Amino acid sequence: MDKKLIEELKEKLELQKKSIQEELESFANQDPNLKNNWDTRYPNREDSDKDEKADDVQEYDNALSLEYSLELKLKDVNMALEKISQGKYGVCENCGKEIGEERLLACPEAKTCLKCEN
């Protein structure tokens, strides 16, 4: 794969990583004991009534789902960056063939080629 393309994709991945981390930081704390794990903060409002407490529970539940989704995305981005550093980037995890340039441009953290994805 072209070194210029890999550098472009690496930059894209680094920006994605930063964006995901910033979004996670807006409602969660990074777990100091578990690498790449985040803990959603509970929206604990003082002097709230039953309706507000129910809203807090719903808000927390929604944030937990988002946290999980973002953690998975961040894991994939970090894995792609690791593969770049090891010189193993752009190879399908299923068939071992090169992942197409168009797919990587659309989804730089892709683990599989389009054929194996479907």
PDB file of N, CA and C in Angstrom:
ATOM      1  N   MET A   1       0.844  -1.178   0.000  1.00  0.00           N
ATOM      2  CA  MET A   1       0.000   0.000   0.000  1.00  0.00           C
ATOM      3  C   MET A   1       0.893   1.247   0.000  1.00  0.00           C
ATOM      4  N   ASP A   2       0.446   2.258  -0.669  1.00  0.00           N
ATOM      5  CA  ASP A   2       1.160   3.518  -0.825  1.00  0.00           C
ATOM      6  C   ASP A   2       1.384   4.201   0.535  1.00  0.00           C
ATOM      7  N   LYS A   3       2.631   4.592   0.810  1.00  0.00           N
ATOM      8  CA  LYS A   3       2.964   5.226   2.095  1.00  0.00           C
ATOM      9  C   LYS A   3       2.201   6.528   2.305  1.00  0.00           C
ATOM     10  N   LYS A   4       2.008   7.290   1.221  1.00  0.00           N
ATOM     11  CA  LYS A   4       1.275   8.558   1.318  1.00  0.00           C
ATOM     12  C   LYS A   4      -0.172   8.301   1.763  1.00  0.00           C
ATOM     13  N   LEU A   5      -0.786   7.254   1.214  1.00  0.00           N
ATOM     14  CA  LEU A   5      -2.152   6.889   1.592  1.00  0.00           C
ATOM     15  C   LEU A   5      -2.200   6.460   3.052  1.00  0.00           C
ATOM     16  N   ILE A   6      -1.240   5.676   3.474  1.00  0.00           N
ATOM     17  CA  ILE A   6      -1.207   5.230   4.867  1.00  0.00           C
ATOM     18  C   ILE A   6      -1.086   6.420   5.807  1.00  0.00           C
ATOM     19  N   GLU A   7      -0.247   7.393   5.475  1.00  0.00           N
ATOM     20  CA  GLU A   7      -0.110   8.588   6.311  1.00  0.00           C
ATOM     21  C   GLU A   7      -1.413   9.375   6.361  1.00  0.00           C
ATOM     22  N   GLU A   8      -2.087   9.470   5.215  1.00  0.00           N
ATOM     23  CA  GLU A   8      -3.379  10.171   5.164  1.00  0.00           C
ATOM     24  C   GLU A   8      -4.407   9.465   6.048  1.00  0.00           C
ATOM     25  N   LEU A   9      -4.442   8.152   5.970  1.00  0.00           N
ATOM     26  CA  LEU A   9      -5.384   7.381   6.780  1.00  0.00           C
ATOM     27  C   LEU A   9      -5.016   7.434   8.260  1.00  0.00           C
ATOM     28  N   LYS A  10      -3.731   7.450   8.554  1.00  0.00           N
ATOM     29  CA  LYS A  10      -3.287   7.569   9.944  1.00  0.00           C
ATOM     30  C   LYS A  10      -3.757   8.894  10.538  1.00  0.00           C
ATOM     31  N   GLU A  11      -3.624   9.970   9.783  1.00  0.00           N
ATOM     32  CA  GLU A  11      -4.107  11.278  10.243  1.00  0.00           C
ATOM     33  C   GLU A  11      -5.606  11.246  10.493  1.00  0.00           C
ATOM     34  N   LYS A  12      -6.320  10.631   9.571  1.00  0.00           N
ATOM     35  CA  LYS A  12      -7.772  10.515   9.711  1.00  0.00           C
ATOM     36  C   LYS A  12      -8.138   9.728  10.970  1.00  0.00           C
ATOM     37  N   LEU A  13      -7.414   8.644  11.221  1.00  0.00           N
ATOM     38  CA  LEU A  13      -7.647   7.831  12.418  1.00  0.00           C
ATOM     39  C   LEU A  13      -7.326   8.604  13.695  1.00  0.00           C
ATOM     40  N   GLU A  14      -6.242   9.364  13.677  1.00  0.00           N
ATOM     41  CA  GLU A  14      -5.871  10.164  14.859  1.00  0.00           C
ATOM     42  C   GLU A  14      -6.959  11.206  15.156  1.00  0.00           C
ATOM     43  N   LEU A  15      -7.511  11.820  14.120  1.00  0.00           N
ATOM     44  CA  LEU A  15      -8.594  12.789  14.313  1.00  0.00           C
ATOM     45  C   LEU A  15      -9.845  12.113  14.855  1.00  0.00           C
ATOM     46  N   GLN A  16     -10.149  10.929  14.338  1.00  0.00           N
ATOM     47  CA  GLN A  16     -11.286  10.161  14.841  1.00  0.00           C
ATOM     48  C   GLN A  16     -11.099   9.829  16.314  1.00  0.00           C
ATOM     49  N   LYS A  17      -9.905   9.393  16.655  1.00  0.00           N
ATOM     50  CA  LYS A  17      -9.589   9.026  18.037  1.00  0.00           C
ATOM     51  C   LYS A  17      -9.805  10.220  18.962  1.00  0.00           C
ATOM     52  N   LYS A  18      -9.290  11.353  18.570  1.00  0.00           N
ATOM     53  CA  LYS A  18      -9.433  12.559  19.382  1.00  0.00           C
ATOM     54  C   LYS A  18     -10.901  12.941  19.539  1.00  0.00           C
ATOM     55  N   SER A  19     -11.644  12.867  18.457  1.00  0.00           N
ATOM     56  CA  SER A  19     -13.066  13.214  18.481  1.00  0.00           C
ATOM     57  C   SER A  19     -13.857  12.277  19.393  1.00  0.00           C
ATOM     58  N   ILE A  20     -13.594  10.989  19.296  1.00  0.00           N
ATOM     59  CA  ILE A  20     -14.286  10.006  20.138  1.00  0.00           C
ATOM     60  C   ILE A  20     -13.949  10.234  21.603  1.00  0.00           C
ATOM     61  N   GLN A  21     -12.672  10.459  21.897  1.00  0.00           N
ATOM     62  CA  GLN A  21     -12.269  10.690  23.282  1.00  0.00           C
ATOM     63  C   GLN A  21     -12.916  11.959  23.847  1.00  0.00           C
ATOM     64  N   GLU A  22     -12.990  13.007  23.042  1.00  0.00           N
ATOM     65  CA  GLU A  22     -13.627  14.242  23.502  1.00  0.00           C
ATOM     66  C   GLU A  22     -15.108  14.021  23.784  1.00  0.00           C
ATOM     67  N   GLU A  23     -15.765  13.252  22.921  1.00  0.00           N
ATOM     68  CA  GLU A  23     -17.182  12.968  23.147  1.00  0.00           C
ATOM     69  C   GLU A  23     -17.365  12.148  24.419  1.00  0.00           C
ATOM     70  N   LEU A  24     -16.523  11.152  24.625  1.00  0.00           N
ATOM     71  CA  LEU A  24     -16.606  10.349  25.846  1.00  0.00           C
ATOM     72  C   LEU A  24     -16.361  11.213  27.086  1.00  0.00           C
ATOM     73  N   GLU A  25     -15.379  12.095  27.019  1.00  0.00           N
ATOM     74  CA  GLU A  25     -15.063  12.956  28.160  1.00  0.00           C
ATOM     75  C   GLU A  25     -16.224  13.868  28.547  1.00  0.00           C
ATOM     76  N   SER A  26     -17.131  14.123  27.608  1.00  0.00           N
ATOM     77  CA  SER A  26     -18.257  15.016  27.898  1.00  0.00           C
ATOM     78  C   SER A  26     -19.277  14.392  28.852  1.00  0.00           C
ATOM     79  N   PHE A  27     -19.273  13.052  28.984  1.00  0.00           N
ATOM     80  CA  PHE A  27     -20.248  12.429  29.876  1.00  0.00           C
ATOM     81  C   PHE A  27     -19.700  11.232  30.660  1.00  0.00           C
ATOM     82  N   ALA A  28     -18.408  10.937  30.495  1.00  0.00           N
ATOM     83  CA  ALA A  28     -17.830   9.768  31.168  1.00  0.00           C
ATOM     84  C   ALA A  28     -16.413  10.074  31.623  1.00  0.00           C
ATOM     85  N   ASN A  29     -15.942   9.254  32.558  1.00  0.00           N
ATOM     86  CA  ASN A  29     -14.566   9.350  33.043  1.00  0.00           C
ATOM     87  C   ASN A  29     -13.804   8.108  32.597  1.00  0.00           C
ATOM     88  N   GLN A  30     -12.542   8.297  32.235  1.00  0.00           N
ATOM     89  CA  GLN A  30     -11.720   7.155  31.863  1.00  0.00           C
ATOM     90  C   GLN A  30     -11.405   6.351  33.116  1.00  0.00           C
ATOM     91  N   ASP A  31     -11.581   5.058  33.020  1.00  0.00           N
ATOM     92  CA  ASP A  31     -11.320   4.160  34.140  1.00  0.00           C
ATOM     93  C   ASP A  31      -9.813   4.027  34.327  1.00  0.00           C
ATOM     94  N   PRO A  32      -9.278   4.407  35.503  1.00  0.00           N
ATOM     95  CA  PRO A  32      -7.829   4.333  35.713  1.00  0.00           C
ATOM     96  C   PRO A  32      -7.308   2.901  35.837  1.00  0.00           C
ATOM     97  N   ASN A  33      -8.215   1.959  36.100  1.00  0.00           N
ATOM     98  CA  ASN A  33      -7.801   0.574  36.319  1.00  0.00           C
ATOM     99  C   ASN A  33      -7.891  -0.308  35.073  1.00  0.00           C
ATOM    100  N   LEU A  34      -8.734   0.081  34.119  1.00  0.00           N
ATOM    101  CA  LEU A  34      -8.918  -0.716  32.913  1.00  0.00           C
ATOM    102  C   LEU A  34      -8.619   0.128  31.689  1.00  0.00           C
ATOM    103  N   LYS A  35      -7.651  -0.326  30.918  1.00  0.00           N
ATOM    104  CA  LYS A  35      -7.265   0.399  29.710  1.00  0.00           C
ATOM    105  C   LYS A  35      -8.442   0.431  28.720  1.00  0.00           C
ATOM    106  N   ASN A  36      -8.632   1.575  28.108  1.00  0.00           N
ATOM    107  CA  ASN A  36      -9.677   1.783  27.100  1.00  0.00           C
ATOM    108  C   ASN A  36     -11.092   1.562  27.622  1.00  0.00           C
ATOM    109  N   ASN A  37     -11.289   1.758  28.916  1.00  0.00           N
ATOM    110  CA  ASN A  37     -12.618   1.618  29.496  1.00  0.00           C
ATOM    111  C   ASN A  37     -13.050   2.961  30.077  1.00  0.00           C
ATOM    112  N   TRP A  38     -14.300   3.285  29.871  1.00  0.00           N
ATOM    113  CA  TRP A  38     -14.860   4.544  30.353  1.00  0.00           C
ATOM    114  C   TRP A  38     -16.049   4.245  31.252  1.00  0.00           C
ATOM    115  N   ASP A  39     -16.310   5.121  32.209  1.00  0.00           N
ATOM    116  CA  ASP A  39     -17.429   4.980  33.135  1.00  0.00           C
ATOM    117  C   ASP A  39     -18.330   6.202  33.007  1.00  0.00           C
ATOM    118  N   THR A  40     -19.556   5.972  32.596  1.00  0.00           N
ATOM    119  CA  THR A  40     -20.520   7.054  32.439  1.00  0.00           C
ATOM    120  C   THR A  40     -20.829   7.663  33.801  1.00  0.00           C
ATOM    121  N   ARG A  41     -20.823   8.995  33.834  1.00  0.00           N
ATOM    122  CA  ARG A  41     -21.179   9.703  35.073  1.00  0.00           C
ATOM    123  C   ARG A  41     -22.701   9.744  35.206  1.00  0.00           C
ATOM    124  N   TYR A  42     -23.183   9.439  36.401  1.00  0.00           N
ATOM    125  CA  TYR A  42     -24.621   9.507  36.653  1.00  0.00           C
ATOM    126  C   TYR A  42     -25.005  10.966  36.859  1.00  0.00           C
ATOM    127  N   PRO A  43     -26.056  11.434  36.180  1.00  0.00           N
ATOM    128  CA  PRO A  43     -26.465  12.834  36.327  1.00  0.00           C
ATOM    129  C   PRO A  43     -27.174  13.065  37.654  1.00  0.00           C
ATOM    130  N   ASN A  44     -26.411  13.161  38.690  1.00  0.00           N
ATOM    131  CA  ASN A  44     -26.927  13.245  40.049  1.00  0.00           C
ATOM    132  C   ASN A  44     -27.273  14.693  40.399  1.00  0.00           C
ATOM    133  N   ARG A  45     -28.538  15.028  40.258  1.00  0.00           N
ATOM    134  CA  ARG A  45     -28.990  16.391  40.580  1.00  0.00           C
ATOM    135  C   ARG A  45     -29.528  16.434  41.998  1.00  0.00           C
ATOM    136  N   GLU A  46     -29.133  17.437  42.700  1.00  0.00           N
ATOM    137  CA  GLU A  46     -29.623  17.619  44.075  1.00  0.00           C
ATOM    138  C   GLU A  46     -31.064  18.122  44.058  1.00  0.00           C
ATOM    139  N   ASP A  47     -31.828  17.776  45.085  1.00  0.00           N
ATOM    140  CA  ASP A  47     -33.193  18.267  45.269  1.00  0.00           C
ATOM    141  C   ASP A  47     -34.074  18.056  44.037  1.00  0.00           C
ATOM    142  N   SER A  48     -34.023  16.888  43.455  1.00  0.00           N
ATOM    143  CA  SER A  48     -34.865  16.623  42.294  1.00  0.00           C
ATOM    144  C   SER A  48     -36.088  15.814  42.719  1.00  0.00           C
ATOM    145  N   ASP A  49     -37.178  16.018  41.981  1.00  0.00           N
ATOM    146  CA  ASP A  49     -38.398  15.279  42.295  1.00  0.00           C
ATOM    147  C   ASP A  49     -38.399  13.945  41.547  1.00  0.00           C
ATOM    148  N   LYS A  50     -39.493  13.192  41.694  1.00  0.00           N
ATOM    149  CA  LYS A  50     -39.564  11.859  41.085  1.00  0.00           C
ATOM    150  C   LYS A  50     -39.406  11.909  39.567  1.00  0.00           C
ATOM    151  N   ASP A  51     -40.056  12.870  38.934  1.00  0.00           N
ATOM    152  CA  ASP A  51     -39.975  12.973  37.477  1.00  0.00           C
ATOM    153  C   ASP A  51     -38.548  13.257  37.018  1.00  0.00           C
ATOM    154  N   GLU A  52     -37.877  14.147  37.726  1.00  0.00           N
ATOM    155  CA  GLU A  52     -36.491  14.464  37.377  1.00  0.00           C
ATOM    156  C   GLU A  52     -35.575  13.272  37.613  1.00  0.00           C
ATOM    157  N   LYS A  53     -35.839  12.512  38.673  1.00  0.00           N
ATOM    158  CA  LYS A  53     -35.040  11.320  38.946  1.00  0.00           C
ATOM    159  C   LYS A  53     -35.260  10.275  37.850  1.00  0.00           C
ATOM    160  N   ALA A  54     -36.491  10.145  37.382  1.00  0.00           N
ATOM    161  CA  ALA A  54     -36.774   9.222  36.277  1.00  0.00           C
ATOM    162  C   ALA A  54     -36.056   9.683  35.018  1.00  0.00           C
ATOM    163  N   ASP A  55     -36.034  10.987  34.789  1.00  0.00           N
ATOM    164  CA  ASP A  55     -35.296  11.531  33.637  1.00  0.00           C
ATOM    165  C   ASP A  55     -33.807  11.244  33.765  1.00  0.00           C
ATOM    166  N   ASP A  56     -33.293  11.343  34.994  1.00  0.00           N
ATOM    167  CA  ASP A  56     -31.874  11.057  35.234  1.00  0.00           C
ATOM    168  C   ASP A  56     -31.543   9.611  34.874  1.00  0.00           C
ATOM    169  N   VAL A  57     -32.414   8.695  35.268  1.00  0.00           N
ATOM    170  CA  VAL A  57     -32.199   7.277  34.977  1.00  0.00           C
ATOM    171  C   VAL A  57     -32.206   7.050  33.463  1.00  0.00           C
ATOM    172  N   GLN A  58     -33.165   7.670  32.771  1.00  0.00           N
ATOM    173  CA  GLN A  58     -33.242   7.521  31.312  1.00  0.00           C
ATOM    174  C   GLN A  58     -32.008   8.129  30.635  1.00  0.00           C
ATOM    175  N   GLU A  59     -31.600   9.289  31.100  1.00  0.00           N
ATOM    176  CA  GLU A  59     -30.413   9.949  30.547  1.00  0.00           C
ATOM    177  C   GLU A  59     -29.171   9.081  30.761  1.00  0.00           C
ATOM    178  N   TYR A  60     -29.053   8.504  31.939  1.00  0.00           N
ATOM    179  CA  TYR A  60     -27.919   7.636  32.255  1.00  0.00           C
ATOM    180  C   TYR A  60     -27.926   6.389  31.372  1.00  0.00           C
ATOM    181  N   ASP A  61     -29.101   5.802  31.207  1.00  0.00           N
ATOM    182  CA  ASP A  61     -29.232   4.616  30.365  1.00  0.00           C
ATOM    183  C   ASP A  61     -28.826   4.913  28.923  1.00  0.00           C
ATOM    184  N   ASN A  62     -29.258   6.050  28.406  1.00  0.00           N
ATOM    185  CA  ASN A  62     -28.880   6.450  27.045  1.00  0.00           C
ATOM    186  C   ASN A  62     -27.369   6.669  26.936  1.00  0.00           C
ATOM    187  N   ALA A  63     -26.801   7.295  27.958  1.00  0.00           N
ATOM    188  CA  ALA A  63     -25.362   7.566  27.958  1.00  0.00           C
ATOM    189  C   ALA A  63     -24.554   6.264  28.019  1.00  0.00           C
ATOM    190  N   LEU A  64     -25.058   5.276  28.752  1.00  0.00           N
ATOM    191  CA  LEU A  64     -24.366   3.978  28.821  1.00  0.00           C
ATOM    192  C   LEU A  64     -24.304   3.316  27.446  1.00  0.00           C
ATOM    193  N   SER A  65     -25.401   3.383  26.715  1.00  0.00           N
ATOM    194  CA  SER A  65     -25.424   2.809  25.361  1.00  0.00           C
ATOM    195  C   SER A  65     -24.445   3.528  24.450  1.00  0.00           C
ATOM    196  N   LEU A  66     -24.431   4.843  24.539  1.00  0.00           N
ATOM    197  CA  LEU A  66     -23.512   5.633  23.729  1.00  0.00           C
ATOM    198  C   LEU A  66     -22.073   5.346  24.120  1.00  0.00           C
ATOM    199  N   GLU A  67     -21.820   5.238  25.416  1.00  0.00           N
ATOM    200  CA  GLU A  67     -20.459   4.925  25.893  1.00  0.00           C
ATOM    201  C   GLU A  67     -19.973   3.614  25.295  1.00  0.00           C
ATOM    202  N   TYR A  68     -20.809   2.598  25.332  1.00  0.00           N
ATOM    203  CA  TYR A  68     -20.429   1.281  24.815  1.00  0.00           C
ATOM    204  C   TYR A  68     -20.105   1.368  23.322  1.00  0.00           C
ATOM    205  N   SER A  69     -20.951   2.036  22.588  1.00  0.00           N
ATOM    206  CA  SER A  69     -20.750   2.197  21.146  1.00  0.00           C
ATOM    207  C   SER A  69     -19.448   2.941  20.840  1.00  0.00           C
ATOM    208  N   LEU A  70     -19.198   4.019  21.564  1.00  0.00           N
ATOM    209  CA  LEU A  70     -17.980   4.805  21.354  1.00  0.00           C
ATOM    210  C   LEU A  70     -16.727   4.026  21.770  1.00  0.00           C
ATOM    211  N   GLU A  71     -16.837   3.247  22.841  1.00  0.00           N
ATOM    212  CA  GLU A  71     -15.694   2.424  23.265  1.00  0.00           C
ATOM    213  C   GLU A  71     -15.318   1.416  22.178  1.00  0.00           C
ATOM    214  N   LEU A  72     -16.315   0.802  21.569  1.00  0.00           N
ATOM    215  CA  LEU A  72     -16.045  -0.156  20.488  1.00  0.00           C
ATOM    216  C   LEU A  72     -15.395   0.530  19.295  1.00  0.00           C
ATOM    217  N   LYS A  73     -15.905   1.698  18.942  1.00  0.00           N
ATOM    218  CA  LYS A  73     -15.342   2.451  17.822  1.00  0.00           C
ATOM    219  C   LYS A  73     -13.898   2.849  18.134  1.00  0.00           C
ATOM    220  N   LEU A  74     -13.667   3.325  19.356  1.00  0.00           N
ATOM    221  CA  LEU A  74     -12.319   3.716  19.768  1.00  0.00           C
ATOM    222  C   LEU A  74     -11.372   2.514  19.749  1.00  0.00           C
ATOM    223  N   LYS A  75     -11.856   1.362  20.156  1.00  0.00           N
ATOM    224  CA  LYS A  75     -11.048   0.145  20.129  1.00  0.00           C
ATOM    225  C   LYS A  75     -10.622  -0.177  18.695  1.00  0.00           C
ATOM    226  N   ASP A  76     -11.562  -0.061  17.754  1.00  0.00           N
ATOM    227  CA  ASP A  76     -11.246  -0.332  16.347  1.00  0.00           C
ATOM    228  C   ASP A  76     -10.237   0.675  15.797  1.00  0.00           C
ATOM    229  N   VAL A  77     -10.410   1.941  16.163  1.00  0.00           N
ATOM    230  CA  VAL A  77      -9.482   2.980  15.708  1.00  0.00           C
ATOM    231  C   VAL A  77      -8.091   2.717  16.276  1.00  0.00           C
ATOM    232  N   ASN A  78      -8.011   2.411  17.564  1.00  0.00           N
ATOM    233  CA  ASN A  78      -6.716   2.115  18.187  1.00  0.00           C
ATOM    234  C   ASN A  78      -6.057   0.880  17.566  1.00  0.00           C
ATOM    235  N   MET A  79      -6.857  -0.126  17.239  1.00  0.00           N
ATOM    236  CA  MET A  79      -6.326  -1.330  16.609  1.00  0.00           C
ATOM    237  C   MET A  79      -5.754  -0.995  15.229  1.00  0.00           C
ATOM    238  N   ALA A  80      -6.466  -0.159  14.466  1.00  0.00           N
ATOM    239  CA  ALA A  80      -5.974   0.239  13.140  1.00  0.00           C
ATOM    240  C   ALA A  80      -4.664   1.014  13.265  1.00  0.00           C
ATOM    241  N   LEU A  81      -4.574   1.915  14.233  1.00  0.00           N
ATOM    242  CA  LEU A  81      -3.337   2.671  14.452  1.00  0.00           C
ATOM    243  C   LEU A  81      -2.187   1.738  14.850  1.00  0.00           C
ATOM    244  N   GLU A  82      -2.494   0.735  15.642  1.00  0.00           N
ATOM    245  CA  GLU A  82      -1.484  -0.248  16.049  1.00  0.00           C
ATOM    246  C   GLU A  82      -0.994  -1.039  14.830  1.00  0.00           C
ATOM    247  N   LYS A  83      -1.939  -1.419  13.969  1.00  0.00           N
ATOM    248  CA  LYS A  83      -1.565  -2.158  12.756  1.00  0.00           C
ATOM    249  C   LYS A  83      -0.677  -1.305  11.853  1.00  0.00           C
ATOM    250  N   ILE A  84      -0.959  -0.014  11.781  1.00  0.00           N
ATOM    251  CA  ILE A  84      -0.119   0.880  10.976  1.00  0.00           C
ATOM    252  C   ILE A  84       1.302   0.865  11.531  1.00  0.00           C
ATOM    253  N   SER A  85       1.429   0.981  12.854  1.00  0.00           N
ATOM    254  CA  SER A  85       2.764   1.016  13.462  1.00  0.00           C
ATOM    255  C   SER A  85       3.509  -0.306  13.285  1.00  0.00           C
ATOM    256  N   GLN A  86       2.770  -1.408  13.146  1.00  0.00           N
ATOM    257  CA  GLN A  86       3.385  -2.731  12.970  1.00  0.00           C
ATOM    258  C   GLN A  86       3.580  -3.096  11.499  1.00  0.00           C
ATOM    259  N   GLY A  87       3.085  -2.230  10.605  1.00  0.00           N
ATOM    260  CA  GLY A  87       3.189  -2.526   9.174  1.00  0.00           C
ATOM    261  C   GLY A  87       2.214  -3.587   8.695  1.00  0.00           C
ATOM    262  N   LYS A  88       1.118  -3.788   9.434  1.00  0.00           N
ATOM    263  CA  LYS A  88       0.133  -4.820   9.091  1.00  0.00           C
ATOM    264  C   LYS A  88      -1.218  -4.226   8.695  1.00  0.00           C
ATOM    265  N   TYR A  89      -1.243  -2.940   8.439  1.00  0.00           N
ATOM    266  CA  TYR A  89      -2.497  -2.236   8.164  1.00  0.00           C
ATOM    267  C   TYR A  89      -3.015  -2.539   6.760  1.00  0.00           C
ATOM    268  N   GLY A  90      -4.344  -2.604   6.631  1.00  0.00           N
ATOM    269  CA  GLY A  90      -4.972  -2.744   5.326  1.00  0.00           C
ATOM    270  C   GLY A  90      -5.109  -4.166   4.835  1.00  0.00           C
ATOM    271  N   VAL A  91      -4.941  -5.139   5.735  1.00  0.00           N
ATOM    272  CA  VAL A  91      -5.065  -6.544   5.369  1.00  0.00           C
ATOM    273  C   VAL A  91      -6.318  -7.103   6.041  1.00  0.00           C
ATOM    274  N   CYS A  92      -7.154  -7.765   5.261  1.00  0.00           N
ATOM    275  CA  CYS A  92      -8.404  -8.342   5.763  1.00  0.00           C
ATOM    276  C   CYS A  92      -8.110  -9.406   6.818  1.00  0.00           C
ATOM    277  N   GLU A  93      -8.798  -9.315   7.942  1.00  0.00           N
ATOM    278  CA  GLU A  93      -8.610 -10.281   9.028  1.00  0.00           C
ATOM    279  C   GLU A  93      -9.194 -11.652   8.690  1.00  0.00           C
ATOM    280  N   ASN A  94     -10.091 -11.721   7.709  1.00  0.00           N
ATOM    281  CA  ASN A  94     -10.702 -13.005   7.348  1.00  0.00           C
ATOM    282  C   ASN A  94      -9.934 -13.735   6.253  1.00  0.00           C
ATOM    283  N   CYS A  95      -9.728 -13.058   5.127  1.00  0.00           N
ATOM    284  CA  CYS A  95      -9.146 -13.750   3.970  1.00  0.00           C
ATOM    285  C   CYS A  95      -7.664 -13.442   3.753  1.00  0.00           C
ATOM    286  N   GLY A  96      -7.152 -12.416   4.430  1.00  0.00           N
ATOM    287  CA  GLY A  96      -5.739 -12.078   4.311  1.00  0.00           C
ATOM    288  C   GLY A  96      -5.383 -11.247   3.088  1.00  0.00           C
ATOM    289  N   LYS A  97      -6.397 -10.902   2.304  1.00  0.00           N
ATOM    290  CA  LYS A  97      -6.146 -10.066   1.124  1.00  0.00           C
ATOM    291  C   LYS A  97      -6.162  -8.596   1.523  1.00  0.00           C
ATOM    292  N   GLU A  98      -5.622  -7.769   0.640  1.00  0.00           N
ATOM    293  CA  GLU A  98      -5.577  -6.337   0.903  1.00  0.00           C
ATOM    294  C   GLU A  98      -6.983  -5.744   0.876  1.00  0.00           C
ATOM    295  N   ILE A  99      -7.275  -4.882   1.843  1.00  0.00           N
ATOM    296  CA  ILE A  99      -8.553  -4.165   1.876  1.00  0.00           C
ATOM    297  C   ILE A  99      -8.471  -3.043   0.852  1.00  0.00           C
ATOM    298  N   GLY A 100      -9.513  -2.876   0.075  1.00  0.00           N
ATOM    299  CA  GLY A 100      -9.527  -1.880  -0.982  1.00  0.00           C
ATOM    300  C   GLY A 100      -9.343  -0.456  -0.469  1.00  0.00           C
ATOM    301  N   GLU A 101      -8.658   0.340  -1.274  1.00  0.00           N
ATOM    302  CA  GLU A 101      -8.376   1.734  -0.925  1.00  0.00           C
ATOM    303  C   GLU A 101      -9.664   2.521  -0.683  1.00  0.00           C
ATOM    304  N   GLU A 102     -10.672   2.304  -1.519  1.00  0.00           N
ATOM    305  CA  GLU A 102     -11.943   3.028  -1.363  1.00  0.00           C
ATOM    306  C   GLU A 102     -12.582   2.712  -0.020  1.00  0.00           C
ATOM    307  N   ARG A 103     -12.526   1.450   0.375  1.00  0.00           N
ATOM    308  CA  ARG A 103     -13.107   1.056   1.676  1.00  0.00           C
ATOM    309  C   ARG A 103     -12.353   1.715   2.824  1.00  0.00           C
ATOM    310  N   LEU A 104     -11.034   1.722   2.743  1.00  0.00           N
ATOM    311  CA  LEU A 104     -10.243   2.326   3.812  1.00  0.00           C
ATOM    312  C   LEU A 104     -10.445   3.832   3.876  1.00  0.00           C
ATOM    313  N   LEU A 105     -10.625   4.475   2.739  1.00  0.00           N
ATOM    314  CA  LEU A 105     -10.888   5.913   2.744  1.00  0.00           C
ATOM    315  C   LEU A 105     -12.242   6.213   3.393  1.00  0.00           C
ATOM    316  N   ALA A 106     -13.212   5.335   3.165  1.00  0.00           N
ATOM    317  CA  ALA A 106     -14.543   5.518   3.751  1.00  0.00           C
ATOM    318  C   ALA A 106     -14.573   5.110   5.221  1.00  0.00           C
ATOM    319  N   CYS A 107     -13.812   4.097   5.551  1.00  0.00           N
ATOM    320  CA  CYS A 107     -13.818   3.545   6.913  1.00  0.00           C
ATOM    321  C   CYS A 107     -12.403   3.082   7.252  1.00  0.00           C
ATOM    322  N   PRO A 108     -11.533   4.011   7.673  1.00  0.00           N
ATOM    323  CA  PRO A 108     -10.124   3.658   7.883  1.00  0.00           C
ATOM    324  C   PRO A 108      -9.877   2.615   8.968  1.00  0.00           C
ATOM    325  N   GLU A 109     -10.846   2.382   9.832  1.00  0.00           N
ATOM    326  CA  GLU A 109     -10.671   1.379  10.884  1.00  0.00           C
ATOM    327  C   GLU A 109     -11.194   0.000  10.460  1.00  0.00           C
ATOM    328  N   ALA A 110     -11.556  -0.143   9.176  1.00  0.00           N
ATOM    329  CA  ALA A 110     -12.097  -1.411   8.667  1.00  0.00           C
ATOM    330  C   ALA A 110     -11.126  -2.564   8.930  1.00  0.00           C
ATOM    331  N   LYS A 111     -11.700  -3.699   9.345  1.00  0.00           N
ATOM    332  CA  LYS A 111     -10.897  -4.885   9.642  1.00  0.00           C
ATOM    333  C   LYS A 111     -10.962  -5.909   8.516  1.00  0.00           C
ATOM    334  N   THR A 112     -11.999  -5.773   7.689  1.00  0.00           N
ATOM    335  CA  THR A 112     -12.212  -6.760   6.635  1.00  0.00           C
ATOM    336  C   THR A 112     -12.442  -6.077   5.289  1.00  0.00           C
ATOM    337  N   CYS A 113     -12.199  -6.838   4.222  1.00  0.00           N
ATOM    338  CA  CYS A 113     -12.486  -6.336   2.885  1.00  0.00           C
ATOM    339  C   CYS A 113     -14.002  -6.363   2.669  1.00  0.00           C
ATOM    340  N   LEU A 114     -14.459  -5.736   1.607  1.00  0.00           N
ATOM    341  CA  LEU A 114     -15.899  -5.703   1.332  1.00  0.00           C
ATOM    342  C   LEU A 114     -16.474  -7.089   1.113  1.00  0.00           C
ATOM    343  N   LYS A 115     -15.725  -7.951   0.437  1.00  0.00           N
ATOM    344  CA  LYS A 115     -16.213  -9.308   0.159  1.00  0.00           C
ATOM    345  C   LYS A 115     -16.477 -10.062   1.460  1.00  0.00           C
ATOM    346  N   CYS A 116     -15.572  -9.953   2.410  1.00  0.00           N
ATOM    347  CA  CYS A 116     -15.740 -10.656   3.693  1.00  0.00           C
ATOM    348  C   CYS A 116     -16.755  -9.962   4.605  1.00  0.00           C
ATOM    349  N   GLU A 117     -16.950  -8.672   4.415  1.00  0.00           N
ATOM    350  CA  GLU A 117     -17.906  -7.918   5.234  1.00  0.00           C
ATOM    351  C   GLU A 117     -19.334  -8.381   4.959  1.00  0.00           C
ATOM    352  N   ASN A 118     -19.587  -8.752   3.720  1.00  0.00           N
ATOM    353  CA  ASN A 118     -20.959  -9.139   3.326  1.00  0.00           C
ATOM    354  C   ASN A 118     -21.233 -10.582   3.507  1.00  0.00           C
TER     355      ASN A 118
END
